[in-house]
Amino acid sequence: AYRGDESRKGWTTEADLLEGIRTDADSL
């Protein structure tokens, strides 16, 4: 929803602002 090419299909992308992941399994 937030990062990478997949996120560009929606309007909530942060792909142009940030690279890398938004979250990981350990954090969740």
mmCIF file of all heavy atoms, coordinates in Angstrom:
data_MODEL
# 
_entry.id   MODEL 
# 
loop_
_atom_site.group_PDB 
_atom_site.id 
_atom_site.type_symbol 
_atom_site.label_atom_id 
_atom_site.label_alt_id 
_atom_site.label_comp_id 
_atom_site.label_asym_id 
_atom_site.label_entity_id 
_atom_site.label_seq_id 
_atom_site.pdbx_PDB_ins_code 
_atom_site.Cartn_x 
_atom_site.Cartn_y 
_atom_site.Cartn_z 
_atom_site.occupancy 
_atom_site.B_iso_or_equiv 
_atom_site.pdbx_formal_charge 
_atom_site.auth_seq_id 
_atom_site.auth_comp_id 
_atom_site.auth_asym_id 
_atom_site.auth_atom_id 
_atom_site.pdbx_PDB_model_num 
ATOM 1   N N   . ALA A 1 1  ? 0.813  -1.214  0.000   1.00 0.00 ? 1  ALA A N   1 
ATOM 2   C CA  . ALA A 1 1  ? 0.000  0.000   0.000   1.00 0.00 ? 1  ALA A CA  1 
ATOM 3   C C   . ALA A 1 1  ? 0.849  1.268   0.000   1.00 0.00 ? 1  ALA A C   1 
ATOM 4   O O   . ALA A 1 1  ? 0.399  2.310   -0.480  1.00 0.00 ? 1  ALA A O   1 
ATOM 5   C CB  . ALA A 1 1  ? -0.936 0.007   1.207   1.00 0.00 ? 1  ALA A CB  1 
ATOM 6   N N   . TYR A 1 2  ? 2.061  1.191   0.540   1.00 0.00 ? 2  TYR A N   1 
ATOM 7   C CA  . TYR A 1 2  ? 2.867  2.400   0.709   1.00 0.00 ? 2  TYR A CA  1 
ATOM 8   C C   . TYR A 1 2  ? 4.132  2.461   -0.134  1.00 0.00 ? 2  TYR A C   1 
ATOM 9   O O   . TYR A 1 2  ? 4.602  3.555   -0.451  1.00 0.00 ? 2  TYR A O   1 
ATOM 10  C CB  . TYR A 1 2  ? 3.279  2.553   2.178   1.00 0.00 ? 2  TYR A CB  1 
ATOM 11  C CG  . TYR A 1 2  ? 2.135  2.929   3.068   1.00 0.00 ? 2  TYR A CG  1 
ATOM 12  C CD1 . TYR A 1 2  ? 1.468  1.979   3.831   1.00 0.00 ? 2  TYR A CD1 1 
ATOM 13  C CD2 . TYR A 1 2  ? 1.706  4.248   3.156   1.00 0.00 ? 2  TYR A CD2 1 
ATOM 14  C CE1 . TYR A 1 2  ? 0.424  2.332   4.661   1.00 0.00 ? 2  TYR A CE1 1 
ATOM 15  C CE2 . TYR A 1 2  ? 0.650  4.615   3.971   1.00 0.00 ? 2  TYR A CE2 1 
ATOM 16  C CZ  . TYR A 1 2  ? 0.024  3.648   4.721   1.00 0.00 ? 2  TYR A CZ  1 
ATOM 17  O OH  . TYR A 1 2  ? -1.028 3.999   5.538   1.00 0.00 ? 2  TYR A OH  1 
ATOM 18  N N   . ARG A 1 3  ? 4.740  1.333   -0.450  1.00 0.00 ? 3  ARG A N   1 
ATOM 19  C CA  . ARG A 1 3  ? 6.064  1.365   -1.070  1.00 0.00 ? 3  ARG A CA  1 
ATOM 20  C C   . ARG A 1 3  ? 6.139  0.474   -2.299  1.00 0.00 ? 3  ARG A C   1 
ATOM 21  O O   . ARG A 1 3  ? 5.399  -0.480  -2.436  1.00 0.00 ? 3  ARG A O   1 
ATOM 22  C CB  . ARG A 1 3  ? 7.138  0.903   -0.068  1.00 0.00 ? 3  ARG A CB  1 
ATOM 23  C CG  . ARG A 1 3  ? 7.098  1.602   1.259   1.00 0.00 ? 3  ARG A CG  1 
ATOM 24  C CD  . ARG A 1 3  ? 7.640  3.031   1.186   1.00 0.00 ? 3  ARG A CD  1 
ATOM 25  N NE  . ARG A 1 3  ? 7.344  3.782   2.392   1.00 0.00 ? 3  ARG A NE  1 
ATOM 26  C CZ  . ARG A 1 3  ? 7.954  3.655   3.549   1.00 0.00 ? 3  ARG A CZ  1 
ATOM 27  N NH1 . ARG A 1 3  ? 8.919  2.792   3.686   1.00 0.00 ? 3  ARG A NH1 1 
ATOM 28  N NH2 . ARG A 1 3  ? 7.592  4.397   4.575   1.00 0.00 ? 3  ARG A NH2 1 
ATOM 29  N N   . GLY A 1 4  ? 7.057  0.814   -3.167  1.00 0.00 ? 4  GLY A N   1 
ATOM 30  C CA  . GLY A 1 4  ? 7.327  -0.001  -4.339  1.00 0.00 ? 4  GLY A CA  1 
ATOM 31  C C   . GLY A 1 4  ? 6.329  0.222   -5.462  1.00 0.00 ? 4  GLY A C   1 
ATOM 32  O O   . GLY A 1 4  ? 5.398  1.025   -5.354  1.00 0.00 ? 4  GLY A O   1 
ATOM 33  N N   . ASP A 1 5  ? 6.550  -0.498  -6.539  1.00 0.00 ? 5  ASP A N   1 
ATOM 34  C CA  . ASP A 1 5  ? 5.724  -0.329  -7.740  1.00 0.00 ? 5  ASP A CA  1 
ATOM 35  C C   . ASP A 1 5  ? 4.266  -0.684  -7.508  1.00 0.00 ? 5  ASP A C   1 
ATOM 36  O O   . ASP A 1 5  ? 3.373  -0.051  -8.058  1.00 0.00 ? 5  ASP A O   1 
ATOM 37  C CB  . ASP A 1 5  ? 6.283  -1.159  -8.895  1.00 0.00 ? 5  ASP A CB  1 
ATOM 38  C CG  . ASP A 1 5  ? 7.590  -0.581  -9.434  1.00 0.00 ? 5  ASP A CG  1 
ATOM 39  O OD1 . ASP A 1 5  ? 7.813  0.638   -9.256  1.00 0.00 ? 5  ASP A OD1 1 
ATOM 40  O OD2 . ASP A 1 5  ? 8.376  -1.341  -10.010 1.00 0.00 ? 5  ASP A OD2 1 
ATOM 41  N N   . GLU A 1 6  ? 4.003  -1.706  -6.692  1.00 0.00 ? 6  GLU A N   1 
ATOM 42  C CA  . GLU A 1 6  ? 2.612  -2.103  -6.417  1.00 0.00 ? 6  GLU A CA  1 
ATOM 43  C C   . GLU A 1 6  ? 1.825  -0.939  -5.821  1.00 0.00 ? 6  GLU A C   1 
ATOM 44  O O   . GLU A 1 6  ? 0.656  -0.735  -6.137  1.00 0.00 ? 6  GLU A O   1 
ATOM 45  C CB  . GLU A 1 6  ? 2.586  -3.309  -5.473  1.00 0.00 ? 6  GLU A CB  1 
ATOM 46  C CG  . GLU A 1 6  ? 1.207  -3.813  -5.127  1.00 0.00 ? 6  GLU A CG  1 
ATOM 47  C CD  . GLU A 1 6  ? 0.474  -4.500  -6.275  1.00 0.00 ? 6  GLU A CD  1 
ATOM 48  O OE1 . GLU A 1 6  ? 1.108  -4.826  -7.292  1.00 0.00 ? 6  GLU A OE1 1 
ATOM 49  O OE2 . GLU A 1 6  ? -0.746 -4.698  -6.152  1.00 0.00 ? 6  GLU A OE2 1 
ATOM 50  N N   . SER A 1 7  ? 2.471  -0.161  -4.965  1.00 0.00 ? 7  SER A N   1 
ATOM 51  C CA  . SER A 1 7  ? 1.781  0.950   -4.306  1.00 0.00 ? 7  SER A CA  1 
ATOM 52  C C   . SER A 1 7  ? 1.319  2.017   -5.288  1.00 0.00 ? 7  SER A C   1 
ATOM 53  O O   . SER A 1 7  ? 0.387  2.764   -5.012  1.00 0.00 ? 7  SER A O   1 
ATOM 54  C CB  . SER A 1 7  ? 2.679  1.579   -3.241  1.00 0.00 ? 7  SER A CB  1 
ATOM 55  O OG  . SER A 1 7  ? 3.739  2.317   -3.825  1.00 0.00 ? 7  SER A OG  1 
ATOM 56  N N   . ARG A 1 8  ? 1.944  2.092   -6.429  1.00 0.00 ? 8  ARG A N   1 
ATOM 57  C CA  . ARG A 1 8  ? 1.583  3.106   -7.430  1.00 0.00 ? 8  ARG A CA  1 
ATOM 58  C C   . ARG A 1 8  ? 0.215  2.840   -8.062  1.00 0.00 ? 8  ARG A C   1 
ATOM 59  O O   . ARG A 1 8  ? -0.342 3.701   -8.719  1.00 0.00 ? 8  ARG A O   1 
ATOM 60  C CB  . ARG A 1 8  ? 2.661  3.202   -8.500  1.00 0.00 ? 8  ARG A CB  1 
ATOM 61  C CG  . ARG A 1 8  ? 3.987  3.701   -7.944  1.00 0.00 ? 8  ARG A CG  1 
ATOM 62  C CD  . ARG A 1 8  ? 5.054  3.768   -9.031  1.00 0.00 ? 8  ARG A CD  1 
ATOM 63  N NE  . ARG A 1 8  ? 6.379  3.905   -8.497  1.00 0.00 ? 8  ARG A NE  1 
ATOM 64  C CZ  . ARG A 1 8  ? 6.915  5.037   -8.041  1.00 0.00 ? 8  ARG A CZ  1 
ATOM 65  N NH1 . ARG A 1 8  ? 6.214  6.143   -8.053  1.00 0.00 ? 8  ARG A NH1 1 
ATOM 66  N NH2 . ARG A 1 8  ? 8.150  5.042   -7.581  1.00 0.00 ? 8  ARG A NH2 1 
ATOM 67  N N   . LYS A 1 9  ? -0.344 1.648   -7.837  1.00 0.00 ? 9  LYS A N   1 
ATOM 68  C CA  . LYS A 1 9  ? -1.692 1.336   -8.320  1.00 0.00 ? 9  LYS A CA  1 
ATOM 69  C C   . LYS A 1 9  ? -2.754 2.044   -7.486  1.00 0.00 ? 9  LYS A C   1 
ATOM 70  O O   . LYS A 1 9  ? -3.898 2.145   -7.895  1.00 0.00 ? 9  LYS A O   1 
ATOM 71  C CB  . LYS A 1 9  ? -1.942 -0.175  -8.279  1.00 0.00 ? 9  LYS A CB  1 
ATOM 72  C CG  . LYS A 1 9  ? -1.082 -0.960  -9.235  1.00 0.00 ? 9  LYS A CG  1 
ATOM 73  C CD  . LYS A 1 9  ? -1.349 -2.445  -9.102  1.00 0.00 ? 9  LYS A CD  1 
ATOM 74  C CE  . LYS A 1 9  ? -0.428 -3.251  -9.999  1.00 0.00 ? 9  LYS A CE  1 
ATOM 75  N NZ  . LYS A 1 9  ? -0.622 -4.697  -9.794  1.00 0.00 ? 9  LYS A NZ  1 
ATOM 76  N N   . GLY A 1 10 ? -2.389 2.501   -6.297  1.00 0.00 ? 10 GLY A N   1 
ATOM 77  C CA  . GLY A 1 10 ? -3.291 3.219   -5.412  1.00 0.00 ? 10 GLY A CA  1 
ATOM 78  C C   . GLY A 1 10 ? -2.851 4.659   -5.269  1.00 0.00 ? 10 GLY A C   1 
ATOM 79  O O   . GLY A 1 10 ? -1.857 5.084   -5.850  1.00 0.00 ? 10 GLY A O   1 
ATOM 80  N N   . TRP A 1 11 ? -3.574 5.411   -4.470  1.00 0.00 ? 11 TRP A N   1 
ATOM 81  C CA  . TRP A 1 11 ? -3.243 6.822   -4.297  1.00 0.00 ? 11 TRP A CA  1 
ATOM 82  C C   . TRP A 1 11 ? -2.518 7.107   -2.993  1.00 0.00 ? 11 TRP A C   1 
ATOM 83  O O   . TRP A 1 11 ? -2.120 8.241   -2.738  1.00 0.00 ? 11 TRP A O   1 
ATOM 84  C CB  . TRP A 1 11 ? -4.485 7.693   -4.435  1.00 0.00 ? 11 TRP A CB  1 
ATOM 85  C CG  . TRP A 1 11 ? -5.470 7.556   -3.316  1.00 0.00 ? 11 TRP A CG  1 
ATOM 86  C CD1 . TRP A 1 11 ? -6.455 6.610   -3.199  1.00 0.00 ? 11 TRP A CD1 1 
ATOM 87  C CD2 . TRP A 1 11 ? -5.562 8.366   -2.153  1.00 0.00 ? 11 TRP A CD2 1 
ATOM 88  N NE1 . TRP A 1 11 ? -7.147 6.788   -2.032  1.00 0.00 ? 11 TRP A NE1 1 
ATOM 89  C CE2 . TRP A 1 11 ? -6.621 7.884   -1.365  1.00 0.00 ? 11 TRP A CE2 1 
ATOM 90  C CE3 . TRP A 1 11 ? -4.857 9.478   -1.687  1.00 0.00 ? 11 TRP A CE3 1 
ATOM 91  C CZ2 . TRP A 1 11 ? -6.987 8.446   -0.158  1.00 0.00 ? 11 TRP A CZ2 1 
ATOM 92  C CZ3 . TRP A 1 11 ? -5.231 10.044  -0.478  1.00 0.00 ? 11 TRP A CZ3 1 
ATOM 93  C CH2 . TRP A 1 11 ? -6.279 9.523   0.275   1.00 0.00 ? 11 TRP A CH2 1 
ATOM 94  N N   . THR A 1 12 ? -2.288 6.099   -2.161  1.00 0.00 ? 12 THR A N   1 
ATOM 95  C CA  . THR A 1 12 ? -1.620 6.325   -0.880  1.00 0.00 ? 12 THR A CA  1 
ATOM 96  C C   . THR A 1 12 ? -0.120 6.060   -0.933  1.00 0.00 ? 12 THR A C   1 
ATOM 97  O O   . THR A 1 12 ? 0.541  6.048   0.094   1.00 0.00 ? 12 THR A O   1 
ATOM 98  C CB  . THR A 1 12 ? -2.238 5.443   0.227   1.00 0.00 ? 12 THR A CB  1 
ATOM 99  O OG1 . THR A 1 12 ? -2.048 4.068   -0.119  1.00 0.00 ? 12 THR A OG1 1 
ATOM 100 C CG2 . THR A 1 12 ? -3.704 5.754   0.420   1.00 0.00 ? 12 THR A CG2 1 
ATOM 101 N N   . THR A 1 13 ? 0.421  5.877   -2.103  1.00 0.00 ? 13 THR A N   1 
ATOM 102 C CA  . THR A 1 13 ? 1.830  5.538   -2.234  1.00 0.00 ? 13 THR A CA  1 
ATOM 103 C C   . THR A 1 13 ? 2.756  6.584   -1.616  1.00 0.00 ? 13 THR A C   1 
ATOM 104 O O   . THR A 1 13 ? 2.495  7.781   -1.667  1.00 0.00 ? 13 THR A O   1 
ATOM 105 C CB  . THR A 1 13 ? 2.203  5.320   -3.720  1.00 0.00 ? 13 THR A CB  1 
ATOM 106 O OG1 . THR A 1 13 ? 3.562  4.883   -3.781  1.00 0.00 ? 13 THR A OG1 1 
ATOM 107 C CG2 . THR A 1 13 ? 2.022  6.579   -4.544  1.00 0.00 ? 13 THR A CG2 1 
ATOM 108 N N   . GLU A 1 14 ? 3.815  6.084   -1.027  1.00 0.00 ? 14 GLU A N   1 
ATOM 109 C CA  . GLU A 1 14 ? 4.909  6.932   -0.550  1.00 0.00 ? 14 GLU A CA  1 
ATOM 110 C C   . GLU A 1 14 ? 6.180  6.627   -1.343  1.00 0.00 ? 14 GLU A C   1 
ATOM 111 O O   . GLU A 1 14 ? 7.273  7.031   -0.969  1.00 0.00 ? 14 GLU A O   1 
ATOM 112 C CB  . GLU A 1 14 ? 5.179  6.672   0.945   1.00 0.00 ? 14 GLU A CB  1 
ATOM 113 C CG  . GLU A 1 14 ? 4.040  7.031   1.852   1.00 0.00 ? 14 GLU A CG  1 
ATOM 114 C CD  . GLU A 1 14 ? 4.263  6.613   3.304   1.00 0.00 ? 14 GLU A CD  1 
ATOM 115 O OE1 . GLU A 1 14 ? 5.186  5.813   3.586   1.00 0.00 ? 14 GLU A OE1 1 
ATOM 116 O OE2 . GLU A 1 14 ? 3.492  7.081   4.149   1.00 0.00 ? 14 GLU A OE2 1 
ATOM 117 N N   . ALA A 1 15 ? 6.031  5.901   -2.445  1.00 0.00 ? 15 ALA A N   1 
ATOM 118 C CA  . ALA A 1 15 ? 7.178  5.411   -3.208  1.00 0.00 ? 15 ALA A CA  1 
ATOM 119 C C   . ALA A 1 15 ? 8.088  6.526   -3.708  1.00 0.00 ? 15 ALA A C   1 
ATOM 120 O O   . ALA A 1 15 ? 9.293  6.311   -3.852  1.00 0.00 ? 15 ALA A O   1 
ATOM 121 C CB  . ALA A 1 15 ? 6.696  4.553   -4.382  1.00 0.00 ? 15 ALA A CB  1 
ATOM 122 N N   . ASP A 1 16 ? 7.551  7.705   -3.976  1.00 0.00 ? 16 ASP A N   1 
ATOM 123 C CA  . ASP A 1 16 ? 8.396  8.807   -4.429  1.00 0.00 ? 16 ASP A CA  1 
ATOM 124 C C   . ASP A 1 16 ? 9.070  9.521   -3.263  1.00 0.00 ? 16 ASP A C   1 
ATOM 125 O O   . ASP A 1 16 ? 10.007 10.289  -3.458  1.00 0.00 ? 16 ASP A O   1 
ATOM 126 C CB  . ASP A 1 16 ? 7.571  9.814   -5.234  1.00 0.00 ? 16 ASP A CB  1 
ATOM 127 C CG  . ASP A 1 16 ? 7.070  9.209   -6.539  1.00 0.00 ? 16 ASP A CG  1 
ATOM 128 O OD1 . ASP A 1 16 ? 7.747  8.321   -7.088  1.00 0.00 ? 16 ASP A OD1 1 
ATOM 129 O OD2 . ASP A 1 16 ? 5.988  9.620   -6.986  1.00 0.00 ? 16 ASP A OD2 1 
ATOM 130 N N   . LEU A 1 17 ? 8.601  9.278   -2.049  1.00 0.00 ? 17 LEU A N   1 
ATOM 131 C CA  . LEU A 1 17 ? 9.143  9.945   -0.862  1.00 0.00 ? 17 LEU A CA  1 
ATOM 132 C C   . LEU A 1 17 ? 10.150 9.087   -0.104  1.00 0.00 ? 17 LEU A C   1 
ATOM 133 O O   . LEU A 1 17 ? 11.082 9.602   0.496   1.00 0.00 ? 17 LEU A O   1 
ATOM 134 C CB  . LEU A 1 17 ? 8.011  10.313  0.106   1.00 0.00 ? 17 LEU A CB  1 
ATOM 135 C CG  . LEU A 1 17 ? 6.926  11.248  -0.425  1.00 0.00 ? 17 LEU A CG  1 
ATOM 136 C CD1 . LEU A 1 17 ? 5.815  11.396  0.595   1.00 0.00 ? 17 LEU A CD1 1 
ATOM 137 C CD2 . LEU A 1 17 ? 7.529  12.588  -0.784  1.00 0.00 ? 17 LEU A CD2 1 
ATOM 138 N N   . LEU A 1 18 ? 9.913  7.777   -0.106  1.00 0.00 ? 18 LEU A N   1 
ATOM 139 C CA  . LEU A 1 18 ? 10.717 6.857   0.690   1.00 0.00 ? 18 LEU A CA  1 
ATOM 140 C C   . LEU A 1 18 ? 11.027 5.593   -0.087  1.00 0.00 ? 18 LEU A C   1 
ATOM 141 O O   . LEU A 1 18 ? 10.176 5.086   -0.808  1.00 0.00 ? 18 LEU A O   1 
ATOM 142 C CB  . LEU A 1 18 ? 9.958  6.461   1.961   1.00 0.00 ? 18 LEU A CB  1 
ATOM 143 C CG  . LEU A 1 18 ? 9.677  7.567   2.958   1.00 0.00 ? 18 LEU A CG  1 
ATOM 144 C CD1 . LEU A 1 18 ? 8.331  7.373   3.602   1.00 0.00 ? 18 LEU A CD1 1 
ATOM 145 C CD2 . LEU A 1 18 ? 10.768 7.582   4.000   1.00 0.00 ? 18 LEU A CD2 1 
ATOM 146 N N   . GLU A 1 19 ? 12.214 5.085   0.109   1.00 0.00 ? 19 GLU A N   1 
ATOM 147 C CA  . GLU A 1 19 ? 12.586 3.784   -0.447  1.00 0.00 ? 19 GLU A CA  1 
ATOM 148 C C   . GLU A 1 19 ? 12.610 2.783   0.699   1.00 0.00 ? 19 GLU A C   1 
ATOM 149 O O   . GLU A 1 19 ? 12.684 3.162   1.864   1.00 0.00 ? 19 GLU A O   1 
ATOM 150 C CB  . GLU A 1 19 ? 13.960 3.873   -1.101  1.00 0.00 ? 19 GLU A CB  1 
ATOM 151 C CG  . GLU A 1 19 ? 13.975 4.812   -2.297  1.00 0.00 ? 19 GLU A CG  1 
ATOM 152 C CD  . GLU A 1 19 ? 15.351 4.959   -2.898  1.00 0.00 ? 19 GLU A CD  1 
ATOM 153 O OE1 . GLU A 1 19 ? 16.170 4.035   -2.724  1.00 0.00 ? 19 GLU A OE1 1 
ATOM 154 O OE2 . GLU A 1 19 ? 15.602 5.983   -3.529  1.00 0.00 ? 19 GLU A OE2 1 
ATOM 155 N N   . GLY A 1 20 ? 12.538 1.516   0.370   1.00 0.00 ? 20 GLY A N   1 
ATOM 156 C CA  . GLY A 1 20 ? 12.577 0.481   1.398   1.00 0.00 ? 20 GLY A CA  1 
ATOM 157 C C   . GLY A 1 20 ? 11.183 0.080   1.836   1.00 0.00 ? 20 GLY A C   1 
ATOM 158 O O   . GLY A 1 20 ? 10.194 0.396   1.196   1.00 0.00 ? 20 GLY A O   1 
ATOM 159 N N   . ILE A 1 21 ? 11.130 -0.618  2.960   1.00 0.00 ? 21 ILE A N   1 
ATOM 160 C CA  . ILE A 1 21 ? 9.860  -1.167  3.432   1.00 0.00 ? 21 ILE A CA  1 
ATOM 161 C C   . ILE A 1 21 ? 9.166  -0.220  4.398   1.00 0.00 ? 21 ILE A C   1 
ATOM 162 O O   . ILE A 1 21 ? 9.785  0.677   4.964   1.00 0.00 ? 21 ILE A O   1 
ATOM 163 C CB  . ILE A 1 21 ? 10.067 -2.535  4.116   1.00 0.00 ? 21 ILE A CB  1 
ATOM 164 C CG1 . ILE A 1 21 ? 10.975 -2.405  5.349   1.00 0.00 ? 21 ILE A CG1 1 
ATOM 165 C CG2 . ILE A 1 21 ? 10.602 -3.551  3.127   1.00 0.00 ? 21 ILE A CG2 1 
ATOM 166 C CD1 . ILE A 1 21 ? 11.009 -3.640  6.217   1.00 0.00 ? 21 ILE A CD1 1 
ATOM 167 N N   . ARG A 1 22 ? 7.882  -0.426  4.595   1.00 0.00 ? 22 ARG A N   1 
ATOM 168 C CA  . ARG A 1 22 ? 7.086  0.347   5.558   1.00 0.00 ? 22 ARG A CA  1 
ATOM 169 C C   . ARG A 1 22 ? 7.043  -0.347  6.914   1.00 0.00 ? 22 ARG A C   1 
ATOM 170 O O   . ARG A 1 22 ? 6.998  0.276   7.953   1.00 0.00 ? 22 ARG A O   1 
ATOM 171 C CB  . ARG A 1 22 ? 5.671  0.549   4.996   1.00 0.00 ? 22 ARG A CB  1 
ATOM 172 C CG  . ARG A 1 22 ? 4.640  1.159   5.932   1.00 0.00 ? 22 ARG A CG  1 
ATOM 173 C CD  . ARG A 1 22 ? 4.960  2.604   6.236   1.00 0.00 ? 22 ARG A CD  1 
ATOM 174 N NE  . ARG A 1 22 ? 3.878  3.258   6.948   1.00 0.00 ? 22 ARG A NE  1 
ATOM 175 C CZ  . ARG A 1 22 ? 3.613  3.102   8.241   1.00 0.00 ? 22 ARG A CZ  1 
ATOM 176 N NH1 . ARG A 1 22 ? 4.332  2.275   8.983   1.00 0.00 ? 22 ARG A NH1 1 
ATOM 177 N NH2 . ARG A 1 22 ? 2.609  3.747   8.801   1.00 0.00 ? 22 ARG A NH2 1 
ATOM 178 N N   . THR A 1 23 ? 7.019  -1.689  6.894   1.00 0.00 ? 23 THR A N   1 
ATOM 179 C CA  . THR A 1 23 ? 7.012  -2.453  8.144   1.00 0.00 ? 23 THR A CA  1 
ATOM 180 C C   . THR A 1 23 ? 7.590  -3.833  7.890   1.00 0.00 ? 23 THR A C   1 
ATOM 181 O O   . THR A 1 23 ? 7.791  -4.230  6.744   1.00 0.00 ? 23 THR A O   1 
ATOM 182 C CB  . THR A 1 23 ? 5.590  -2.545  8.740   1.00 0.00 ? 23 THR A CB  1 
ATOM 183 O OG1 . THR A 1 23 ? 5.685  -2.985  10.093  1.00 0.00 ? 23 THR A OG1 1 
ATOM 184 C CG2 . THR A 1 23 ? 4.681  -3.475  7.947   1.00 0.00 ? 23 THR A CG2 1 
ATOM 185 N N   . ASP A 1 24 ? 7.841  -4.555  8.976   1.00 0.00 ? 24 ASP A N   1 
ATOM 186 C CA  . ASP A 1 24 ? 8.335  -5.924  8.860   1.00 0.00 ? 24 ASP A CA  1 
ATOM 187 C C   . ASP A 1 24 ? 7.629  -6.808  9.890   1.00 0.00 ? 24 ASP A C   1 
ATOM 188 O O   . ASP A 1 24 ? 6.910  -6.317  10.764  1.00 0.00 ? 24 ASP A O   1 
ATOM 189 C CB  . ASP A 1 24 ? 9.856  -5.988  8.996   1.00 0.00 ? 24 ASP A CB  1 
ATOM 190 C CG  . ASP A 1 24 ? 10.375 -5.546  10.358  1.00 0.00 ? 24 ASP A CG  1 
ATOM 191 O OD1 . ASP A 1 24 ? 9.589  -5.489  11.339  1.00 0.00 ? 24 ASP A OD1 1 
ATOM 192 O OD2 . ASP A 1 24 ? 11.573 -5.249  10.461  1.00 0.00 ? 24 ASP A OD2 1 
ATOM 193 N N   . ALA A 1 25 ? 7.843  -8.113  9.769   1.00 0.00 ? 25 ALA A N   1 
ATOM 194 C CA  . ALA A 1 25 ? 7.152  -9.073  10.628  1.00 0.00 ? 25 ALA A CA  1 
ATOM 195 C C   . ALA A 1 25 ? 7.507  -8.883  12.106  1.00 0.00 ? 25 ALA A C   1 
ATOM 196 O O   . ALA A 1 25 ? 6.623  -8.948  12.968  1.00 0.00 ? 25 ALA A O   1 
ATOM 197 C CB  . ALA A 1 25 ? 7.466  -10.499 10.182  1.00 0.00 ? 25 ALA A CB  1 
ATOM 198 N N   . ASP A 1 26 ? 8.778  -8.649  12.408  1.00 0.00 ? 26 ASP A N   1 
ATOM 199 C CA  . ASP A 1 26 ? 9.172  -8.478  13.807  1.00 0.00 ? 26 ASP A CA  1 
ATOM 200 C C   . ASP A 1 26 ? 8.446  -7.301  14.446  1.00 0.00 ? 26 ASP A C   1 
ATOM 201 O O   . ASP A 1 26 ? 7.969  -7.390  15.580  1.00 0.00 ? 26 ASP A O   1 
ATOM 202 C CB  . ASP A 1 26 ? 10.688 -8.282  13.924  1.00 0.00 ? 26 ASP A CB  1 
ATOM 203 C CG  . ASP A 1 26 ? 11.463 -9.558  13.621  1.00 0.00 ? 26 ASP A CG  1 
ATOM 204 O OD1 . ASP A 1 26 ? 10.871 -10.658 13.653  1.00 0.00 ? 26 ASP A OD1 1 
ATOM 205 O OD2 . ASP A 1 26 ? 12.680 -9.440  13.356  1.00 0.00 ? 26 ASP A OD2 1 
ATOM 206 N N   . SER A 1 27 ? 8.357  -6.194  13.718  1.00 0.00 ? 27 SER A N   1 
ATOM 207 C CA  . SER A 1 27 ? 7.678  -5.008  14.256  1.00 0.00 ? 27 SER A CA  1 
ATOM 208 C C   . SER A 1 27 ? 6.199  -5.271  14.482  1.00 0.00 ? 27 SER A C   1 
ATOM 209 O O   . SER A 1 27 ? 5.638  -4.860  15.499  1.00 0.00 ? 27 SER A O   1 
ATOM 210 C CB  . SER A 1 27 ? 7.857  -3.815  13.316  1.00 0.00 ? 27 SER A CB  1 
ATOM 211 O OG  . SER A 1 27 ? 9.212  -3.461  13.268  1.00 0.00 ? 27 SER A OG  1 
ATOM 212 N N   . LEU A 1 28 ? 5.556  -5.949  13.549  1.00 0.00 ? 28 LEU A N   1 
ATOM 213 C CA  . LEU A 1 28 ? 4.132  -6.243  13.711  1.00 0.00 ? 28 LEU A CA  1 
ATOM 214 C C   . LEU A 1 28 ? 3.893  -7.208  14.874  1.00 0.00 ? 28 LEU A C   1 
ATOM 215 O O   . LEU A 1 28 ? 2.938  -7.032  15.643  1.00 0.00 ? 28 LEU A O   1 
ATOM 216 C CB  . LEU A 1 28 ? 3.537  -6.778  12.414  1.00 0.00 ? 28 LEU A CB  1 
ATOM 217 C CG  . LEU A 1 28 ? 3.399  -5.757  11.295  1.00 0.00 ? 28 LEU A CG  1 
ATOM 218 C CD1 . LEU A 1 28 ? 2.901  -6.419  10.016  1.00 0.00 ? 28 LEU A CD1 1 
ATOM 219 C CD2 . LEU A 1 28 ? 2.482  -4.620  11.689  1.00 0.00 ? 28 LEU A CD2 1 
# 
